[in-house]
């Protein structure tokens, strides 16, 4: 499962719109959409904000990130 798929699943689990998640993270809605569609990965400043908004530990988001990178390099 890609980073974007996991992000979307967690966002929907909490019934958050991309716009609400973006607002909570201090980023544009389009940035959330790009991440969910696999076009971008989050910057290091966004990862802890995503974790907080999604009620996850930061290392979970980092693991998603690393797994996505590994898949893309294979």
Protein backbone atom coordinates (compact mmCIF):
# COMPACT_ATOMS: atom_id res chain seq x y z
CA UNK A 1 0.00 0.00 0.00
CA UNK A 2 1.40 3.40 -0.95
CA UNK A 3 1.86 6.39 1.32
CA UNK A 4 -1.04 8.16 -0.37
CA UNK A 5 -3.38 5.18 0.04
CA UNK A 6 -2.57 4.97 3.74
CA UNK A 7 -2.98 8.71 4.20
CA UNK A 8 -6.38 8.66 2.47
CA UNK A 9 -7.55 5.64 4.51
CA UNK A 10 -6.59 7.30 7.81
CA UNK A 11 -8.16 10.60 6.80
CA UNK A 12 -11.42 8.86 5.89
CA UNK A 13 -11.34 6.80 9.09
CA UNK A 14 -11.75 10.08 11.00
CA UNK A 15 -14.22 11.49 8.44
CA UNK A 16 -11.90 14.37 7.63
CA UNK A 17 -12.07 16.12 4.30
CA UNK A 18 -8.81 16.87 2.53
CA UNK A 19 -9.51 20.54 3.20
CA UNK A 20 -9.89 20.03 6.98
CA UNK A 21 -6.74 17.90 7.15
CA UNK A 22 -4.85 20.51 5.15
CA UNK A 23 -6.04 23.25 7.49
CA UNK A 24 -4.96 21.27 10.56
CA UNK A 25 -1.53 20.72 9.00
CA UNK A 26 -1.10 24.28 7.73
CA UNK A 27 -0.83 23.25 4.07
CA UNK A 28 -2.95 23.68 0.95
CA UNK A 29 -5.69 21.17 0.16
CA UNK A 30 -3.97 20.54 -3.16
CA UNK A 31 -0.86 19.37 -1.27
CA UNK A 32 -2.94 16.73 0.55
CA UNK A 33 -4.46 15.67 -2.77
CA UNK A 34 -1.02 15.39 -4.38
CA UNK A 35 0.20 13.21 -1.50
CA UNK A 36 -2.88 10.99 -1.66
CA UNK A 37 -2.46 10.58 -5.43
CA UNK A 38 1.19 9.59 -5.08
CA UNK A 39 2.56 12.72 -6.73
CA UNK A 40 4.27 14.08 -3.58
CA UNK A 41 5.61 12.88 -0.29
CA UNK A 42 5.36 15.09 2.79
CA UNK A 43 8.19 17.35 3.84
CA UNK A 44 9.85 16.82 7.20
CA UNK A 45 7.89 19.69 8.76
CA UNK A 46 4.55 18.25 7.63
CA UNK A 47 5.05 14.71 8.95
CA UNK A 48 4.52 15.54 12.66
CA UNK A 49 1.50 17.69 11.77
CA UNK A 50 -0.05 14.82 9.81
CA UNK A 51 0.58 12.47 12.72
CA UNK A 52 -1.07 14.83 15.18
CA UNK A 53 -4.09 15.46 12.95
CA UNK A 54 -4.56 11.72 12.34
CA UNK A 55 -3.98 10.69 15.97
CA UNK A 56 -0.90 8.65 15.04
CA UNK A 57 2.66 8.50 16.29
CA UNK A 58 5.13 10.31 14.06
CA UNK A 59 7.13 7.14 13.48
CA UNK A 60 4.12 5.53 11.79
CA UNK A 61 4.01 8.30 9.19
CA UNK A 62 7.80 8.06 8.77
CA UNK A 63 7.50 4.29 8.22
CA UNK A 64 4.84 4.85 5.53
CA UNK A 65 7.20 7.35 3.91
CA UNK A 66 10.16 4.95 3.97
CA UNK A 67 8.12 2.02 2.67
CA UNK A 68 6.85 4.17 -0.20
CA UNK A 69 10.42 5.20 -1.08
CA UNK A 70 11.59 1.57 -0.99
CA UNK A 71 8.77 0.54 -3.34
CA UNK A 72 9.64 3.33 -5.77
CA UNK A 73 13.32 2.36 -5.79
CA UNK A 74 12.64 -1.29 -6.59
